[in-house]
N, C-alpha and C. Protein backbone atom coordinates (compact mmCIF):
# COMPACT_ATOMS: atom_id res chain seq x y z
N MET A 1 3.84 8.40 -11.93
CA MET A 1 4.90 7.59 -11.35
C MET A 1 4.78 7.64 -9.83
N ALA A 2 5.14 6.52 -9.21
CA ALA A 2 5.13 6.44 -7.76
C ALA A 2 6.53 6.06 -7.28
N THR A 3 6.84 6.46 -6.08
CA THR A 3 8.12 6.10 -5.48
C THR A 3 7.87 5.19 -4.29
N CYS A 4 8.55 4.07 -4.27
CA CYS A 4 8.39 3.11 -3.18
C CYS A 4 9.10 3.63 -1.93
N PRO A 5 8.40 3.67 -0.79
CA PRO A 5 9.03 4.15 0.44
C PRO A 5 10.03 3.14 1.02
N VAL A 6 10.04 1.91 0.51
CA VAL A 6 10.94 0.88 1.00
C VAL A 6 12.27 0.91 0.26
N CYS A 7 12.21 0.82 -1.09
CA CYS A 7 13.43 0.73 -1.89
C CYS A 7 13.74 2.00 -2.66
N GLU A 8 12.80 2.96 -2.64
CA GLU A 8 12.91 4.22 -3.36
C GLU A 8 12.93 4.05 -4.88
N GLY A 9 12.54 2.87 -5.35
CA GLY A 9 12.39 2.65 -6.79
C GLY A 9 11.13 3.33 -7.29
N THR A 10 11.09 3.62 -8.58
CA THR A 10 9.91 4.24 -9.15
C THR A 10 9.20 3.26 -10.08
N PHE A 11 7.89 3.36 -10.11
CA PHE A 11 7.09 2.50 -10.97
C PHE A 11 5.79 3.22 -11.29
N TYR A 12 5.12 2.75 -12.34
CA TYR A 12 3.89 3.38 -12.81
C TYR A 12 2.69 2.93 -12.00
N VAL A 13 1.89 3.90 -11.57
CA VAL A 13 0.61 3.64 -10.93
C VAL A 13 -0.41 4.52 -11.62
N ASP A 14 -1.50 3.92 -12.08
CA ASP A 14 -2.58 4.70 -12.70
C ASP A 14 -3.34 5.39 -11.59
N GLU A 15 -3.04 6.65 -11.38
CA GLU A 15 -3.60 7.40 -10.26
C GLU A 15 -5.12 7.53 -10.33
N GLU A 16 -5.70 7.36 -11.51
CA GLU A 16 -7.16 7.42 -11.64
C GLU A 16 -7.82 6.11 -11.21
N GLU A 17 -7.04 5.04 -11.11
CA GLU A 17 -7.58 3.73 -10.77
C GLU A 17 -7.45 3.37 -9.29
N VAL A 18 -6.61 4.09 -8.54
CA VAL A 18 -6.41 3.74 -7.13
C VAL A 18 -7.19 4.67 -6.22
N GLU A 19 -7.54 4.15 -5.05
CA GLU A 19 -8.25 4.92 -4.04
C GLU A 19 -7.50 4.78 -2.73
N GLU A 20 -7.73 5.69 -1.81
CA GLU A 20 -7.12 5.59 -0.49
C GLU A 20 -7.50 4.26 0.13
N GLY A 21 -6.51 3.59 0.71
CA GLY A 21 -6.74 2.30 1.35
C GLY A 21 -6.42 1.11 0.46
N ASP A 22 -6.25 1.34 -0.85
CA ASP A 22 -5.90 0.26 -1.76
C ASP A 22 -4.50 -0.26 -1.45
N LEU A 23 -4.30 -1.54 -1.68
CA LEU A 23 -2.98 -2.15 -1.52
C LEU A 23 -2.40 -2.44 -2.89
N ILE A 24 -1.16 -2.07 -3.08
CA ILE A 24 -0.45 -2.35 -4.33
C ILE A 24 0.93 -2.88 -3.98
N SER A 25 1.59 -3.49 -4.95
CA SER A 25 2.93 -4.02 -4.74
C SER A 25 3.94 -3.22 -5.55
N CYS A 26 5.09 -3.00 -4.95
CA CYS A 26 6.17 -2.32 -5.65
C CYS A 26 6.71 -3.25 -6.72
N GLU A 27 6.84 -2.75 -7.93
CA GLU A 27 7.36 -3.55 -9.04
C GLU A 27 8.85 -3.81 -8.90
N GLU A 28 9.55 -2.98 -8.12
CA GLU A 28 11.00 -3.12 -7.96
C GLU A 28 11.36 -4.15 -6.90
N CYS A 29 10.79 -4.01 -5.68
CA CYS A 29 11.20 -4.87 -4.56
C CYS A 29 10.10 -5.82 -4.08
N GLY A 30 8.87 -5.62 -4.55
CA GLY A 30 7.78 -6.51 -4.16
C GLY A 30 7.11 -6.14 -2.85
N ALA A 31 7.51 -5.04 -2.22
CA ALA A 31 6.91 -4.63 -0.95
C ALA A 31 5.44 -4.33 -1.14
N GLU A 32 4.64 -4.68 -0.12
CA GLU A 32 3.22 -4.35 -0.15
C GLU A 32 3.04 -2.94 0.37
N LEU A 33 2.33 -2.12 -0.40
CA LEU A 33 2.17 -0.71 -0.09
C LEU A 33 0.71 -0.33 -0.03
N GLU A 34 0.37 0.58 0.86
CA GLU A 34 -0.99 1.08 0.97
C GLU A 34 -1.04 2.50 0.43
N VAL A 35 -2.08 2.80 -0.33
CA VAL A 35 -2.30 4.15 -0.82
C VAL A 35 -2.90 4.95 0.34
N VAL A 36 -2.13 5.92 0.87
CA VAL A 36 -2.63 6.73 1.99
C VAL A 36 -3.16 8.08 1.52
N SER A 37 -2.83 8.46 0.30
CA SER A 37 -3.34 9.70 -0.28
C SER A 37 -3.32 9.58 -1.79
N THR A 38 -4.31 10.16 -2.44
CA THR A 38 -4.34 10.11 -3.90
C THR A 38 -3.99 11.44 -4.54
N ASN A 39 -4.02 12.51 -3.77
CA ASN A 39 -3.71 13.82 -4.35
C ASN A 39 -2.92 14.65 -3.35
N PRO A 40 -1.61 14.59 -3.38
CA PRO A 40 -0.78 13.82 -4.31
C PRO A 40 -0.72 12.35 -3.90
N LEU A 41 -0.30 11.51 -4.84
CA LEU A 41 -0.19 10.08 -4.56
C LEU A 41 0.87 9.85 -3.50
N GLU A 42 0.47 9.19 -2.41
CA GLU A 42 1.38 8.89 -1.32
C GLU A 42 1.21 7.44 -0.91
N LEU A 43 2.32 6.73 -0.82
CA LEU A 43 2.31 5.32 -0.47
C LEU A 43 3.02 5.10 0.85
N GLU A 44 2.57 4.09 1.58
CA GLU A 44 3.18 3.75 2.85
C GLU A 44 3.35 2.24 2.90
N ALA A 45 4.49 1.78 3.39
CA ALA A 45 4.73 0.35 3.51
C ALA A 45 3.75 -0.26 4.50
N VAL A 46 3.23 -1.42 4.17
CA VAL A 46 2.30 -2.12 5.05
C VAL A 46 3.12 -2.96 6.01
N ASP A 47 2.87 -2.77 7.29
CA ASP A 47 3.52 -3.56 8.33
C ASP A 47 2.79 -4.89 8.39
N GLU A 48 3.47 -5.97 8.05
CA GLU A 48 2.82 -7.28 7.98
C GLU A 48 2.24 -7.70 9.32
N GLU A 49 2.89 -7.38 10.43
CA GLU A 49 2.37 -7.73 11.75
C GLU A 49 1.07 -6.97 12.02
N GLU A 50 1.05 -5.69 11.68
CA GLU A 50 -0.14 -4.87 11.89
C GLU A 50 -1.29 -5.38 11.02
N GLU A 51 -0.98 -5.78 9.79
CA GLU A 51 -2.01 -6.30 8.89
C GLU A 51 -2.59 -7.60 9.45
N ALA A 52 -1.76 -8.46 10.01
CA ALA A 52 -2.22 -9.72 10.59
C ALA A 52 -3.15 -9.46 11.77
N LYS A 53 -2.82 -8.46 12.60
CA LYS A 53 -3.67 -8.11 13.74
C LYS A 53 -5.03 -7.62 13.25
N GLU A 54 -5.04 -6.79 12.22
CA GLU A 54 -6.30 -6.27 11.69
C GLU A 54 -7.14 -7.41 11.13
N ASP A 55 -6.52 -8.36 10.44
CA ASP A 55 -7.25 -9.51 9.90
C ASP A 55 -7.88 -10.32 11.02
N GLU A 56 -7.13 -10.54 12.11
CA GLU A 56 -7.65 -11.29 13.26
C GLU A 56 -8.84 -10.56 13.88
N GLU A 57 -8.73 -9.24 14.02
CA GLU A 57 -9.82 -8.46 14.61
C GLU A 57 -11.06 -8.53 13.74
N GLU A 58 -10.89 -8.48 12.42
CA GLU A 58 -12.04 -8.55 11.52
C GLU A 58 -12.73 -9.91 11.64
N GLU A 59 -11.94 -10.98 11.78
CA GLU A 59 -12.50 -12.32 11.91
C GLU A 59 -13.31 -12.44 13.20
N LEU A 60 -12.80 -11.84 14.28
CA LEU A 60 -13.49 -11.91 15.57
C LEU A 60 -14.81 -11.15 15.54
N GLU A 61 -14.87 -10.08 14.73
CA GLU A 61 -16.08 -9.28 14.66
C GLU A 61 -17.19 -9.99 13.89
N MET A 62 -16.86 -10.93 13.06
CA MET A 62 -17.87 -11.61 12.24
C MET A 62 -18.59 -12.66 13.00
């Protein structure tokens, strides 16, 4: 079970299937979450503005 850092709802995550850096969505509130640790499982809310900046930087590098 995982706990959403946004809404504190709990939902099932197959810990054997996720890796650090994976993005998943909270089943309760729909927030986009990043797996920051797998042992123990730790999730962090993805800042949409930060994600947009990273996408722009990746495009510029190509």
